């Protein structure tokens, strides 16, 4: 993944301000933030489900070893 750095980030923000305008920029930022939050929650749910499946598999394997 490329390292943008501070100067590159400033240039991107200036271009976004010119393209979207000062009134739309806060709305765009809010939408991006909500999207990232939903993505993070979805990936957390998926990771939790997979971890739970592995725990169940380990428990079943341990139960079979005891028999």
Protein backbone atom coordinates (compact mmCIF):
# COMPACT_ATOMS: atom_id res chain seq x y z
CA UNK A 1 0.00 0.00 0.00
CA UNK A 2 1.48 3.33 -0.97
CA UNK A 3 2.47 5.77 1.75
CA UNK A 4 0.68 9.05 0.99
CA UNK A 5 2.18 11.26 3.68
CA UNK A 6 1.05 14.66 4.88
CA UNK A 7 1.69 16.65 1.66
CA UNK A 8 -0.23 14.12 -0.43
CA UNK A 9 -3.11 14.13 2.04
CA UNK A 10 -3.29 17.94 1.93
CA UNK A 11 -3.40 17.89 -1.87
CA UNK A 12 -6.19 15.30 -1.83
CA UNK A 13 -8.20 17.39 0.65
CA UNK A 14 -7.76 20.55 -1.46
CA UNK A 15 -8.91 18.71 -4.60
CA UNK A 16 -11.92 17.28 -2.72
CA UNK A 17 -12.81 20.77 -1.48
CA UNK A 18 -12.65 22.16 -5.01
CA UNK A 19 -14.64 19.29 -6.55
CA UNK A 20 -17.37 18.91 -3.90
CA UNK A 21 -17.48 22.42 -2.44
CA UNK A 22 -17.51 23.52 1.17
CA UNK A 23 -21.20 22.67 1.72
CA UNK A 24 -21.03 19.06 0.52
CA UNK A 25 -17.70 18.16 2.12
CA UNK A 26 -19.04 17.64 5.68
CA UNK A 27 -21.87 15.47 4.34
CA UNK A 28 -19.38 13.45 2.33
CA UNK A 29 -17.15 13.01 5.38
CA UNK A 30 -20.08 11.87 7.49
CA UNK A 31 -21.14 9.35 4.85
CA UNK A 32 -17.61 7.97 4.59
CA UNK A 33 -17.38 7.70 8.38
CA UNK A 34 -20.68 5.82 8.61
CA UNK A 35 -19.63 3.48 5.82
CA UNK A 36 -16.33 2.70 7.54
CA UNK A 37 -18.14 2.12 10.85
CA UNK A 38 -20.59 -0.32 9.23
CA UNK A 39 -17.74 -2.11 7.46
CA UNK A 40 -15.82 -2.43 10.72
CA UNK A 41 -18.87 -3.81 12.54
CA UNK A 42 -19.56 -6.30 9.73
CA UNK A 43 -16.01 -7.60 9.67
CA UNK A 44 -16.04 -7.89 13.47
CA UNK A 45 -19.23 -9.96 13.28
CA UNK A 46 -17.70 -12.24 10.65
CA UNK A 47 -14.50 -12.72 12.68
CA UNK A 48 -16.55 -13.48 15.80
CA UNK A 49 -18.64 -16.06 13.92
CA UNK A 50 -15.56 -17.79 12.55
CA UNK A 51 -13.89 -17.79 15.97
CA UNK A 52 -17.04 -19.27 17.51
CA UNK A 53 -17.06 -22.04 14.89
CA UNK A 54 -13.45 -22.90 15.70
CA UNK A 55 -14.27 -23.00 19.40
CA UNK A 56 -17.19 -25.35 18.71
CA UNK A 57 -14.98 -27.58 16.56
CA UNK A 58 -12.32 -27.70 19.28
CA UNK A 59 -14.96 -28.57 21.88
CA UNK A 60 -16.37 -31.38 19.70
CA UNK A 61 -12.86 -32.73 19.15
CA UNK A 62 -12.10 -32.63 22.88
CA UNK A 63 -15.39 -34.40 23.68
CA UNK A 64 -14.58 -37.18 21.21
CA UNK A 65 -11.13 -37.65 22.75
CA UNK A 66 -12.70 -38.14 26.21
CA UNK A 67 -14.95 -40.95 24.99
